[in-house]
Amino acid sequence: VTDTEVLDALWEKGIFVLNTVYINGADPIDVVVERITAVMEHPAVLMWVVGNEWNYNGFYQNLKREAARSLMRDVARKVRSTDSTRPIA
């Protein structure tokens, strides 16, 4: 979610967001910086999520497990360097 109006509506209802910032291995890793900085100041964002069952789907690029794990680590490092205040799942 990068739309602050959506986050505002969720926040008004007391809903926190686990915000997925990287899901497809075809995307460049640096895409997470833009996705995070767009909403990182919003109180509804509880944590950042990298991938969606990446260990099963290979980041939707059929990556082998070790390649997917390496990509996940690289993305998580980029997320951490962009926002060190929230957990990463």
Protein backbone atom coordinates (compact mmCIF):
# COMPACT_ATOMS: atom_id res chain seq x y z
CA VAL A 1 0.00 0.00 0.00
CA THR A 2 1.50 3.31 -1.08
CA ASP A 3 -1.73 5.29 -1.06
CA THR A 4 -1.88 7.39 2.11
CA GLU A 5 -5.64 7.86 1.72
CA VAL A 6 -6.08 4.10 2.01
CA LEU A 7 -3.80 4.04 5.04
CA ASP A 8 -5.72 6.95 6.58
CA ALA A 9 -9.01 5.06 6.21
CA LEU A 10 -7.52 1.95 7.79
CA TRP A 11 -5.93 3.97 10.60
CA GLU A 12 -9.25 5.66 11.37
CA LYS A 13 -10.70 2.19 11.96
CA GLY A 14 -7.78 1.13 14.15
CA ILE A 15 -6.32 -1.21 11.55
CA PHE A 16 -2.57 -1.65 11.24
CA VAL A 17 -0.90 -2.72 7.99
CA LEU A 18 1.79 -5.27 7.29
CA ASN A 19 2.93 -3.56 4.12
CA THR A 20 4.39 -5.72 1.36
CA VAL A 21 7.17 -3.81 -0.38
CA TYR A 22 8.70 -6.53 -2.55
CA ILE A 23 6.95 -9.50 -4.10
CA ASN A 24 8.24 -10.12 -7.62
CA GLY A 25 11.85 -11.03 -8.31
CA ALA A 26 11.68 -9.24 -11.67
CA ASP A 27 11.54 -5.91 -9.83
CA PRO A 28 14.82 -4.16 -9.06
CA ILE A 29 15.71 -4.27 -5.36
CA ASP A 30 15.80 -0.48 -5.14
CA VAL A 31 12.03 -0.33 -5.75
CA VAL A 32 11.56 -0.91 -2.02
CA VAL A 33 13.08 2.48 -1.22
CA GLU A 34 10.34 4.35 -3.08
CA ARG A 35 7.61 2.11 -1.68
CA ILE A 36 8.83 2.55 1.88
CA THR A 37 9.55 6.27 1.80
CA ALA A 38 6.11 6.94 0.34
CA VAL A 39 4.43 5.80 3.57
CA MET A 40 7.06 5.22 6.25
CA GLU A 41 5.83 8.12 8.35
CA HIS A 42 2.27 6.80 8.45
CA PRO A 43 1.22 5.39 11.84
CA ALA A 44 -0.86 2.61 10.26
CA VAL A 45 2.26 0.88 8.92
CA LEU A 46 3.20 -1.75 11.50
CA MET A 47 5.93 -3.57 9.58
CA TRP A 48 7.37 -4.32 6.13
CA VAL A 49 6.88 -7.61 4.29
CA VAL A 50 9.29 -9.06 1.74
CA GLY A 51 7.89 -11.67 -0.61
CA ASN A 52 4.83 -13.87 -0.43
CA GLU A 53 5.83 -17.43 0.33
CA TRP A 54 9.03 -16.72 -1.61
CA ASN A 55 10.49 -20.05 -0.55
CA TYR A 56 7.71 -21.84 -2.45
CA ASN A 57 7.22 -19.61 -5.48
CA GLY A 58 10.76 -18.34 -6.10
CA PHE A 59 9.59 -14.71 -6.08
CA TYR A 60 7.34 -15.57 -9.03
CA GLN A 61 10.44 -16.03 -11.17
CA ASN A 62 10.98 -19.74 -10.50
CA LEU A 63 14.18 -18.96 -8.64
CA LYS A 64 15.81 -21.90 -6.95
CA ARG A 65 15.62 -21.86 -3.16
CA GLU A 66 19.17 -20.54 -2.59
CA ALA A 67 18.78 -17.80 -5.21
CA ALA A 68 15.44 -16.78 -3.69
CA ARG A 69 16.96 -16.78 -0.19
CA SER A 70 19.84 -14.61 -1.37
CA LEU A 71 17.44 -12.18 -3.03
CA MET A 72 15.31 -12.05 0.11
CA ARG A 73 18.37 -11.21 2.22
CA ASP A 74 19.42 -8.46 -0.19
CA VAL A 75 15.94 -6.96 -0.21
CA ALA A 76 15.69 -7.17 3.59
CA ARG A 77 19.02 -5.34 3.89
CA LYS A 78 17.72 -2.60 1.60
CA VAL A 79 14.52 -2.36 3.65
CA ARG A 80 16.52 -2.15 6.89
CA SER A 81 18.78 0.57 5.50
CA THR A 82 15.70 2.55 4.45
CA ASP A 83 13.74 2.15 7.70
CA SER A 84 15.49 0.77 10.76
CA THR A 85 12.48 1.37 13.03
CA ARG A 86 10.07 -1.35 11.90
CA PRO A 87 10.28 -5.14 11.80
CA ILE A 88 10.63 -7.01 8.51
CA ALA A 89 8.82 -10.24 7.72
